[in-house]
Amino acid sequence: MNNQVCLSAEIKSLDDLRYTPAGLPILQMWLSHESWQTELGERYLAKMEIQAKALGDMALNWPYRQGTMIEIIGFIAQKGVRNPRPILHIQQINEYKG
């Protein structure tokens, strides 16, 4: 089964660094994406916002601010055991150069 997402997006909001109960650094944010796609031969404006998170060293050394355009690779999973809402787990990140 495949679950890999590659997305260019703007950092809409960025929470403060915090730690999980196990002591793991975590940084949560909301990403905003807008692009033109083709669906059934027609142009379609694809817009969305998704919650995302970075863990560990990536969260500790996070260099990007709100408003920065980024390219990420990661996977989607439910936010928690009792919260089925999706969240994007960031595994790789680069600033988007256009």
PDB file of N, CA and C in Angstrom:
ATOM      1  N   MET A   1       0.848  -1.174   0.000  1.00  0.00           N
ATOM      2  CA  MET A   1       0.000   0.000   0.000  1.00  0.00           C
ATOM      3  C   MET A   1       0.898   1.243   0.000  1.00  0.00           C
ATOM      4  N   ASN A   2       0.492   2.231  -0.768  1.00  0.00           N
ATOM      5  CA  ASN A   2       1.289   3.447  -0.896  1.00  0.00           C
ATOM      6  C   ASN A   2       0.580   4.617  -0.229  1.00  0.00           C
ATOM      7  N   ASN A   3       1.331   5.420   0.489  1.00  0.00           N
ATOM      8  CA  ASN A   3       0.807   6.621   1.129  1.00  0.00           C
ATOM      9  C   ASN A   3       1.952   7.626   1.175  1.00  0.00           C
ATOM     10  N   GLN A   4       2.199   8.273   0.030  1.00  0.00           N
ATOM     11  CA  GLN A   4       3.250   9.278  -0.028  1.00  0.00           C
ATOM     12  C   GLN A   4       2.692  10.514  -0.702  1.00  0.00           C
ATOM     13  N   VAL A   5       2.891  11.647  -0.079  1.00  0.00           N
ATOM     14  CA  VAL A   5       2.383  12.914  -0.573  1.00  0.00           C
ATOM     15  C   VAL A   5       3.558  13.825  -0.891  1.00  0.00           C
ATOM     16  N   CYS A   6       3.499  14.454  -2.054  1.00  0.00           N
ATOM     17  CA  CYS A   6       4.457  15.486  -2.434  1.00  0.00           C
ATOM     18  C   CYS A   6       3.627  16.745  -2.684  1.00  0.00           C
ATOM     19  N   LEU A   7       3.884  17.809  -1.938  1.00  0.00           N
ATOM     20  CA  LEU A   7       3.019  18.973  -1.967  1.00  0.00           C
ATOM     21  C   LEU A   7       3.826  20.261  -1.877  1.00  0.00           C
ATOM     22  N   SER A   8       3.460  21.230  -2.706  1.00  0.00           N
ATOM     23  CA  SER A   8       3.965  22.593  -2.573  1.00  0.00           C
ATOM     24  C   SER A   8       2.883  23.390  -1.874  1.00  0.00           C
ATOM     25  N   ALA A   9       3.245  24.134  -0.842  1.00  0.00           N
ATOM     26  CA  ALA A   9       2.240  24.851  -0.063  1.00  0.00           C
ATOM     27  C   ALA A   9       2.876  26.028   0.660  1.00  0.00           C
ATOM     28  N   GLU A  10       2.017  26.910   1.132  1.00  0.00           N
ATOM     29  CA  GLU A  10       2.447  28.038   1.951  1.00  0.00           C
ATOM     30  C   GLU A  10       2.160  27.710   3.413  1.00  0.00           C
ATOM     31  N   ILE A  11       3.082  28.066   4.285  1.00  0.00           N
ATOM     32  CA  ILE A  11       2.843  27.893   5.717  1.00  0.00           C
ATOM     33  C   ILE A  11       1.864  28.988   6.144  1.00  0.00           C
ATOM     34  N   LYS A  12       0.635  28.584   6.425  1.00  0.00           N
ATOM     35  CA  LYS A  12      -0.412  29.540   6.804  1.00  0.00           C
ATOM     36  C   LYS A  12      -0.273  29.942   8.268  1.00  0.00           C
ATOM     37  N   SER A  13      -0.028  28.968   9.137  1.00  0.00           N
ATOM     38  CA  SER A  13       0.203  29.262  10.557  1.00  0.00           C
ATOM     39  C   SER A  13       1.155  28.228  11.112  1.00  0.00           C
ATOM     40  N   LEU A  14       1.870  28.625  12.144  1.00  0.00           N
ATOM     41  CA  LEU A  14       2.905  27.784  12.725  1.00  0.00           C
ATOM     42  C   LEU A  14       2.783  27.872  14.244  1.00  0.00           C
ATOM     43  N   ASP A  15       2.575  26.736  14.893  1.00  0.00           N
ATOM     44  CA  ASP A  15       2.465  26.707  16.354  1.00  0.00           C
ATOM     45  C   ASP A  15       3.844  26.800  16.992  1.00  0.00           C
ATOM     46  N   ASP A  16       3.872  27.033  18.272  1.00  0.00           N
ATOM     47  CA  ASP A  16       5.127  27.013  19.025  1.00  0.00           C
ATOM     48  C   ASP A  16       5.612  25.568  19.150  1.00  0.00           C
ATOM     49  N   LEU A  17       6.914  25.404  19.223  1.00  0.00           N
ATOM     50  CA  LEU A  17       7.496  24.086  19.462  1.00  0.00           C
ATOM     51  C   LEU A  17       7.010  23.573  20.814  1.00  0.00           C
ATOM     52  N   ARG A  18       6.615  22.316  20.834  1.00  0.00           N
ATOM     53  CA  ARG A  18       6.215  21.692  22.098  1.00  0.00           C
ATOM     54  C   ARG A  18       6.786  20.278  22.123  1.00  0.00           C
ATOM     55  N   TYR A  19       6.527  19.570  23.189  1.00  0.00           N
ATOM     56  CA  TYR A  19       7.053  18.216  23.346  1.00  0.00           C
ATOM     57  C   TYR A  19       5.914  17.260  23.662  1.00  0.00           C
ATOM     58  N   THR A  20       5.993  16.067  23.109  1.00  0.00           N
ATOM     59  CA  THR A  20       5.017  15.028  23.404  1.00  0.00           C
ATOM     60  C   THR A  20       5.254  14.541  24.831  1.00  0.00           C
ATOM     61  N   PRO A  21       4.307  13.796  25.415  1.00  0.00           N
ATOM     62  CA  PRO A  21       4.534  13.239  26.762  1.00  0.00           C
ATOM     63  C   PRO A  21       5.794  12.372  26.836  1.00  0.00           C
ATOM     64  N   ALA A  22       6.217  11.800  25.709  1.00  0.00           N
ATOM     65  CA  ALA A  22       7.433  10.985  25.688  1.00  0.00           C
ATOM     66  C   ALA A  22       8.692  11.832  25.500  1.00  0.00           C
ATOM     67  N   GLY A  23       8.539  13.167  25.395  1.00  0.00           N
ATOM     68  CA  GLY A  23       9.692  14.054  25.270  1.00  0.00           C
ATOM     69  C   GLY A  23      10.138  14.320  23.842  1.00  0.00           C
ATOM     70  N   LEU A  24       9.362  13.938  22.849  1.00  0.00           N
ATOM     71  CA  LEU A  24       9.711  14.126  21.446  1.00  0.00           C
ATOM     72  C   LEU A  24       9.286  15.523  20.987  1.00  0.00           C
ATOM     73  N   PRO A  25      10.201  16.317  20.395  1.00  0.00           N
ATOM     74  CA  PRO A  25       9.830  17.645  19.906  1.00  0.00           C
ATOM     75  C   PRO A  25       8.824  17.517  18.756  1.00  0.00           C
ATOM     76  N   ILE A  26       7.821  18.392  18.771  1.00  0.00           N
ATOM     77  CA  ILE A  26       6.795  18.386  17.734  1.00  0.00           C
ATOM     78  C   ILE A  26       6.428  19.823  17.374  1.00  0.00           C
ATOM     79  N   LEU A  27       6.303  20.069  16.074  1.00  0.00           N
ATOM     80  CA  LEU A  27       5.929  21.377  15.568  1.00  0.00           C
ATOM     81  C   LEU A  27       4.744  21.183  14.635  1.00  0.00           C
ATOM     82  N   GLN A  28       3.604  21.768  14.996  1.00  0.00           N
ATOM     83  CA  GLN A  28       2.403  21.636  14.172  1.00  0.00           C
ATOM     84  C   GLN A  28       2.149  22.930  13.429  1.00  0.00           C
ATOM     85  N   MET A  29       1.506  22.799  12.257  1.00  0.00           N
ATOM     86  CA  MET A  29       1.245  23.956  11.411  1.00  0.00           C
ATOM     87  C   MET A  29       0.053  23.672  10.509  1.00  0.00           C
ATOM     88  N   TRP A  30      -0.428  24.713   9.853  1.00  0.00           N
ATOM     89  CA  TRP A  30      -1.429  24.580   8.803  1.00  0.00           C
ATOM     90  C   TRP A  30      -0.789  25.019   7.507  1.00  0.00           C
ATOM     91  N   LEU A  31      -0.987  24.222   6.460  1.00  0.00           N
ATOM     92  CA  LEU A  31      -0.465  24.512   5.133  1.00  0.00           C
ATOM     93  C   LEU A  31      -1.620  24.850   4.205  1.00  0.00           C
ATOM     94  N   SER A  32      -1.374  25.788   3.291  1.00  0.00           N
ATOM     95  CA  SER A  32      -2.377  26.207   2.323  1.00  0.00           C
ATOM     96  C   SER A  32      -1.824  25.952   0.921  1.00  0.00           C
ATOM     97  N   HIS A  33      -2.617  25.286   0.095  1.00  0.00           N
ATOM     98  CA  HIS A  33      -2.196  24.945  -1.268  1.00  0.00           C
ATOM     99  C   HIS A  33      -3.234  25.456  -2.264  1.00  0.00           C
ATOM    100  N   GLU A  34      -2.741  25.940  -3.416  1.00  0.00           N
ATOM    101  CA  GLU A  34      -3.609  26.364  -4.512  1.00  0.00           C
ATOM    102  C   GLU A  34      -2.871  26.114  -5.818  1.00  0.00           C
ATOM    103  N   SER A  35      -3.501  25.368  -6.720  1.00  0.00           N
ATOM    104  CA  SER A  35      -2.877  25.101  -8.029  1.00  0.00           C
ATOM    105  C   SER A  35      -3.959  24.783  -9.056  1.00  0.00           C
ATOM    106  N   TRP A  36      -3.612  24.946 -10.314  1.00  0.00           N
ATOM    107  CA  TRP A  36      -4.498  24.549 -11.398  1.00  0.00           C
ATOM    108  C   TRP A  36      -4.167  23.120 -11.790  1.00  0.00           C
ATOM    109  N   GLN A  37      -5.188  22.278 -11.823  1.00  0.00           N
ATOM    110  CA  GLN A  37      -5.048  20.877 -12.204  1.00  0.00           C
ATOM    111  C   GLN A  37      -5.968  20.610 -13.399  1.00  0.00           C
ATOM    112  N   THR A  38      -5.767  19.480 -14.049  1.00  0.00           N
ATOM    113  CA  THR A  38      -6.646  19.077 -15.136  1.00  0.00           C
ATOM    114  C   THR A  38      -7.429  17.856 -14.689  1.00  0.00           C
ATOM    115  N   GLU A  39      -8.757  17.947 -14.819  1.00  0.00           N
ATOM    116  CA  GLU A  39      -9.635  16.840 -14.456  1.00  0.00           C
ATOM    117  C   GLU A  39     -10.670  16.682 -15.564  1.00  0.00           C
ATOM    118  N   LEU A  40     -10.736  15.482 -16.144  1.00  0.00           N
ATOM    119  CA  LEU A  40     -11.642  15.190 -17.249  1.00  0.00           C
ATOM    120  C   LEU A  40     -11.480  16.190 -18.392  1.00  0.00           C
ATOM    121  N   GLY A  41     -10.224  16.573 -18.645  1.00  0.00           N
ATOM    122  CA  GLY A  41      -9.905  17.482 -19.740  1.00  0.00           C
ATOM    123  C   GLY A  41     -10.181  18.943 -19.453  1.00  0.00           C
ATOM    124  N   GLU A  42     -10.633  19.272 -18.266  1.00  0.00           N
ATOM    125  CA  GLU A  42     -10.952  20.655 -17.898  1.00  0.00           C
ATOM    126  C   GLU A  42      -9.995  21.144 -16.815  1.00  0.00           C
ATOM    127  N   ARG A  43      -9.711  22.457 -16.857  1.00  0.00           N
ATOM    128  CA  ARG A  43      -8.882  23.049 -15.800  1.00  0.00           C
ATOM    129  C   ARG A  43      -9.700  23.179 -14.519  1.00  0.00           C
ATOM    130  N   TYR A  44      -9.058  22.871 -13.410  1.00  0.00           N
ATOM    131  CA  TYR A  44      -9.719  22.854 -12.109  1.00  0.00           C
ATOM    132  C   TYR A  44      -8.805  23.540 -11.100  1.00  0.00           C
ATOM    133  N   LEU A  45      -9.336  24.541 -10.383  1.00  0.00           N
ATOM    134  CA  LEU A  45      -8.561  25.220  -9.352  1.00  0.00           C
ATOM    135  C   LEU A  45      -8.647  24.402  -8.067  1.00  0.00           C
ATOM    136  N   ALA A  46      -7.549  23.761  -7.716  1.00  0.00           N
ATOM    137  CA  ALA A  46      -7.485  22.919  -6.518  1.00  0.00           C
ATOM    138  C   ALA A  46      -6.972  23.767  -5.358  1.00  0.00           C
ATOM    139  N   LYS A  47      -7.818  23.936  -4.354  1.00  0.00           N
ATOM    140  CA  LYS A  47      -7.458  24.697  -3.148  1.00  0.00           C
ATOM    141  C   LYS A  47      -7.706  23.821  -1.944  1.00  0.00           C
ATOM    142  N   MET A  48      -6.824  23.930  -0.950  1.00  0.00           N
ATOM    143  CA  MET A  48      -7.051  23.186   0.287  1.00  0.00           C
ATOM    144  C   MET A  48      -6.143  23.704   1.381  1.00  0.00           C
ATOM    145  N   GLU A  49      -6.532  23.395   2.604  1.00  0.00           N
ATOM    146  CA  GLU A  49      -5.689  23.608   3.770  1.00  0.00           C
ATOM    147  C   GLU A  49      -5.604  22.277   4.490  1.00  0.00           C
ATOM    148  N   ILE A  50      -4.426  21.972   5.007  1.00  0.00           N
ATOM    149  CA  ILE A  50      -4.234  20.720   5.728  1.00  0.00           C
ATOM    150  C   ILE A  50      -3.314  20.970   6.915  1.00  0.00           C
ATOM    151  N   GLN A  51      -3.618  20.304   7.998  1.00  0.00           N
ATOM    152  CA  GLN A  51      -2.740  20.376   9.164  1.00  0.00           C
ATOM    153  C   GLN A  51      -1.558  19.450   8.933  1.00  0.00           C
ATOM    154  N   ALA A  52      -0.380  19.886   9.366  1.00  0.00           N
ATOM    155  CA  ALA A  52       0.842  19.098   9.187  1.00  0.00           C
ATOM    156  C   ALA A  52       1.670  19.175  10.458  1.00  0.00           C
ATOM    157  N   LYS A  53       2.619  18.225  10.575  1.00  0.00           N
ATOM    158  CA  LYS A  53       3.510  18.261  11.731  1.00  0.00           C
ATOM    159  C   LYS A  53       4.884  17.737  11.354  1.00  0.00           C
ATOM    160  N   ALA A  54       5.879  18.258  12.072  1.00  0.00           N
ATOM    161  CA  ALA A  54       7.259  17.801  11.958  1.00  0.00           C
ATOM    162  C   ALA A  54       7.680  17.329  13.342  1.00  0.00           C
ATOM    163  N   LEU A  55       8.464  16.268  13.382  1.00  0.00           N
ATOM    164  CA  LEU A  55       8.885  15.679  14.652  1.00  0.00           C
ATOM    165  C   LEU A  55      10.409  15.639  14.771  1.00  0.00           C
ATOM    166  N   GLY A  56      10.887  15.485  15.986  1.00  0.00           N
ATOM    167  CA  GLY A  56      12.307  15.246  16.239  1.00  0.00           C
ATOM    168  C   GLY A  56      13.198  16.400  15.832  1.00  0.00           C
ATOM    169  N   ASP A  57      14.353  16.064  15.240  1.00  0.00           N
ATOM    170  CA  ASP A  57      15.331  17.079  14.832  1.00  0.00           C
ATOM    171  C   ASP A  57      14.754  18.062  13.830  1.00  0.00           C
ATOM    172  N   MET A  58      13.860  17.591  12.952  1.00  0.00           N
ATOM    173  CA  MET A  58      13.253  18.490  11.975  1.00  0.00           C
ATOM    174  C   MET A  58      12.470  19.590  12.697  1.00  0.00           C
ATOM    175  N   ALA A  59      11.753  19.244  13.742  1.00  0.00           N
ATOM    176  CA  ALA A  59      11.003  20.234  14.516  1.00  0.00           C
ATOM    177  C   ALA A  59      11.945  21.169  15.271  1.00  0.00           C
ATOM    178  N   LEU A  60      13.008  20.617  15.858  1.00  0.00           N
ATOM    179  CA  LEU A  60      13.964  21.437  16.629  1.00  0.00           C
ATOM    180  C   LEU A  60      14.710  22.441  15.760  1.00  0.00           C
ATOM    181  N   ASN A  61      15.023  22.048  14.520  1.00  0.00           N
ATOM    182  CA  ASN A  61      15.837  22.883  13.640  1.00  0.00           C
ATOM    183  C   ASN A  61      15.015  23.545  12.541  1.00  0.00           C
ATOM    184  N   TRP A  62      13.732  23.773  12.765  1.00  0.00           N
ATOM    185  CA  TRP A  62      12.817  24.300  11.760  1.00  0.00           C
ATOM    186  C   TRP A  62      13.226  25.718  11.349  1.00  0.00           C
ATOM    187  N   PRO A  63      13.596  25.939  10.065  1.00  0.00           N
ATOM    188  CA  PRO A  63      14.072  27.251   9.640  1.00  0.00           C
ATOM    189  C   PRO A  63      13.010  28.139   8.978  1.00  0.00           C
ATOM    190  N   TYR A  64      11.793  27.652   8.779  1.00  0.00           N
ATOM    191  CA  TYR A  64      10.805  28.370   7.971  1.00  0.00           C
ATOM    192  C   TYR A  64       9.796  29.112   8.829  1.00  0.00           C
ATOM    193  N   ARG A  65       9.314  30.242   8.292  1.00  0.00           N
ATOM    194  CA  ARG A  65       8.348  31.077   9.009  1.00  0.00           C
ATOM    195  C   ARG A  65       6.993  31.043   8.308  1.00  0.00           C
ATOM    196  N   GLN A  66       6.018  31.567   8.965  1.00  0.00           N
ATOM    197  CA  GLN A  66       4.695  31.722   8.379  1.00  0.00           C
ATOM    198  C   GLN A  66       4.832  32.531   7.086  1.00  0.00           C
ATOM    199  N   GLY A  67       4.133  32.119   6.039  1.00  0.00           N
ATOM    200  CA  GLY A  67       4.191  32.797   4.746  1.00  0.00           C
ATOM    201  C   GLY A  67       5.205  32.205   3.789  1.00  0.00           C
ATOM    202  N   THR A  68       6.088  31.342   4.263  1.00  0.00           N
ATOM    203  CA  THR A  68       7.100  30.717   3.409  1.00  0.00           C
ATOM    204  C   THR A  68       6.459  29.642   2.533  1.00  0.00           C
ATOM    205  N   MET A  69       6.837  29.605   1.264  1.00  0.00           N
ATOM    206  CA  MET A  69       6.409  28.541   0.356  1.00  0.00           C
ATOM    207  C   MET A  69       7.394  27.388   0.497  1.00  0.00           C
ATOM    208  N   ILE A  70       6.852  26.186   0.692  1.00  0.00           N
ATOM    209  CA  ILE A  70       7.698  25.011   0.898  1.00  0.00           C
ATOM    210  C   ILE A  70       7.250  23.871  -0.008  1.00  0.00           C
ATOM    211  N   GLU A  71       8.134  22.925  -0.215  1.00  0.00           N
ATOM    212  CA  GLU A  71       7.830  21.660  -0.869  1.00  0.00           C
ATOM    213  C   GLU A  71       8.094  20.570   0.158  1.00  0.00           C
ATOM    214  N   ILE A  72       7.124  19.723   0.354  1.00  0.00           N
ATOM    215  CA  ILE A  72       7.293  18.675   1.354  1.00  0.00           C
ATOM    216  C   ILE A  72       7.003  17.310   0.750  1.00  0.00           C
ATOM    217  N   ILE A  73       7.586  16.308   1.377  1.00  0.00           N
ATOM    218  CA  ILE A  73       7.260  14.907   1.111  1.00  0.00           C
ATOM    219  C   ILE A  73       6.911  14.306   2.461  1.00  0.00           C
ATOM    220  N   GLY A  74       5.840  13.550   2.495  1.00  0.00           N
ATOM    221  CA  GLY A  74       5.414  12.946   3.739  1.00  0.00           C
ATOM    222  C   GLY A  74       4.289  11.957   3.510  1.00  0.00           C
ATOM    223  N   PHE A  75       3.556  11.674   4.569  1.00  0.00           N
ATOM    224  CA  PHE A  75       2.422  10.756   4.475  1.00  0.00           C
ATOM    225  C   PHE A  75       1.276  11.291   5.318  1.00  0.00           C
ATOM    226  N   ILE A  76       0.072  10.811   5.038  1.00  0.00           N
ATOM    227  CA  ILE A  76      -1.120  11.239   5.754  1.00  0.00           C
ATOM    228  C   ILE A  76      -1.597  10.116   6.664  1.00  0.00           C
ATOM    229  N   ALA A  77      -1.953  10.483   7.881  1.00  0.00           N
ATOM    230  CA  ALA A  77      -2.518   9.527   8.841  1.00  0.00           C
ATOM    231  C   ALA A  77      -3.552  10.271   9.679  1.00  0.00           C
ATOM    232  N   GLN A  78      -4.332   9.534  10.446  1.00  0.00           N
ATOM    233  CA  GLN A  78      -5.285  10.207  11.320  1.00  0.00           C
ATOM    234  C   GLN A  78      -4.526  10.888  12.444  1.00  0.00           C
ATOM    235  N   LYS A  79      -5.091  11.974  12.932  1.00  0.00           N
ATOM    236  CA  LYS A  79      -4.398  12.796  13.916  1.00  0.00           C
ATOM    237  C   LYS A  79      -4.124  12.052  15.218  1.00  0.00           C
ATOM    238  N   GLY A  80      -5.048  11.221  15.649  1.00  0.00           N
ATOM    239  CA  GLY A  80      -4.854  10.510  16.905  1.00  0.00           C
ATOM    240  C   GLY A  80      -5.757   9.295  16.991  1.00  0.00           C
ATOM    241  N   VAL A  81      -5.608   8.555  18.058  1.00  0.00           N
ATOM    242  CA  VAL A  81      -6.389   7.335  18.252  1.00  0.00           C
ATOM    243  C   VAL A  81      -7.882   7.654  18.239  1.00  0.00           C
ATOM    244  N   ARG A  82      -8.265   8.747  18.867  1.00  0.00           N
ATOM    245  CA  ARG A  82      -9.674   9.122  18.947  1.00  0.00           C
ATOM    246  C   ARG A  82     -10.039  10.263  18.006  1.00  0.00           C
ATOM    247  N   ASN A  83      -9.104  10.690  17.165  1.00  0.00           N
ATOM    248  CA  ASN A  83      -9.361  11.800  16.243  1.00  0.00           C
ATOM    249  C   ASN A  83      -9.032  11.344  14.821  1.00  0.00           C
ATOM    250  N   PRO A  84     -10.042  11.023  14.013  1.00  0.00           N
ATOM    251  CA  PRO A  84      -9.797  10.494  12.676  1.00  0.00           C
ATOM    252  C   PRO A  84      -9.433  11.548  11.633  1.00  0.00           C
ATOM    253  N   ARG A  85      -9.413  12.821  12.008  1.00  0.00           N
ATOM    254  CA  ARG A  85      -9.077  13.881  11.058  1.00  0.00           C
ATOM    255  C   ARG A  85      -7.656  13.673  10.519  1.00  0.00           C
ATOM    256  N   PRO A  86      -7.433  13.890   9.210  1.00  0.00           N
ATOM    257  CA  PRO A  86      -6.097  13.649   8.650  1.00  0.00           C
ATOM    258  C   PRO A  86      -5.091  14.734   9.033  1.00  0.00           C
ATOM    259  N   ILE A  87      -3.843  14.319   9.161  1.00  0.00           N
ATOM    260  CA  ILE A  87      -2.727  15.240   9.378  1.00  0.00           C
ATOM    261  C   ILE A  87      -1.564  14.745   8.529  1.00  0.00           C
ATOM    262  N   LEU A  88      -0.843  15.677   7.950  1.00  0.00           N
ATOM    263  CA  LEU A  88       0.287  15.367   7.076  1.00  0.00           C
ATOM    264  C   LEU A  88       1.559  15.300   7.912  1.00  0.00           C
ATOM    265  N   HIS A  89       2.214  14.158   7.910  1.00  0.00           N
ATOM    266  CA  HIS A  89       3.482  13.960   8.626  1.00  0.00           C
ATOM    267  C   HIS A  89       4.611  14.317   7.663  1.00  0.00           C
ATOM    268  N   ILE A  90       5.362  15.357   7.972  1.00  0.00           N
ATOM    269  CA  ILE A  90       6.434  15.830   7.097  1.00  0.00           C
ATOM    270  C   ILE A  90       7.691  14.997   7.328  1.00  0.00           C
ATOM    271  N   GLN A  91       8.215  14.425   6.236  1.00  0.00           N
ATOM    272  CA  GLN A  91       9.448  13.632   6.312  1.00  0.00           C
ATOM    273  C   GLN A  91      10.626  14.347   5.651  1.00  0.00           C
ATOM    274  N   GLN A  92      10.357  15.127   4.610  1.00  0.00           N
ATOM    275  CA  GLN A  92      11.387  15.921   3.926  1.00  0.00           C
ATOM    276  C   GLN A  92      10.791  17.278   3.605  1.00  0.00           C
ATOM    277  N   ILE A  93      11.632  18.313   3.646  1.00  0.00           N
ATOM    278  CA  ILE A  93      11.138  19.649   3.370  1.00  0.00           C
ATOM    279  C   ILE A  93      12.225  20.499   2.720  1.00  0.00           C
ATOM    280  N   ASN A  94      11.821  21.342   1.781  1.00  0.00           N
ATOM    281  CA  ASN A  94      12.702  22.316   1.141  1.00  0.00           C
ATOM    282  C   ASN A  94      11.905  23.575   0.887  1.00  0.00           C
ATOM    283  N   GLU A  95      12.595  24.707   0.849  1.00  0.00           N
ATOM    284  CA  GLU A  95      11.918  25.923   0.471  1.00  0.00           C
ATOM    285  C   GLU A  95      11.580  25.863  -1.015  1.00  0.00           C
ATOM    286  N   TYR A  96      10.376  26.296  -1.370  1.00  0.00           N
ATOM    287  CA  TYR A  96       9.917  26.247  -2.759  1.00  0.00           C
ATOM    288  C   TYR A  96      10.549  27.402  -3.526  1.00  0.00           C
ATOM    289  N   LYS A  97      11.230  27.093  -4.614  1.00  0.00           N
ATOM    290  CA  LYS A  97      11.932  28.104  -5.405  1.00  0.00           C
ATOM    291  C   LYS A  97      11.163  28.495  -6.655  1.00  0.00           C
ATOM    292  N   GLY A  98      10.010  27.872  -6.900  1.00  0.00           N
ATOM    293  CA  GLY A  98       9.175  28.213  -8.058  1.00  0.00           C
ATOM    294  C   GLY A  98       9.638  27.509  -9.234  1.00  0.00           C
TER     295      GLY A  98
END
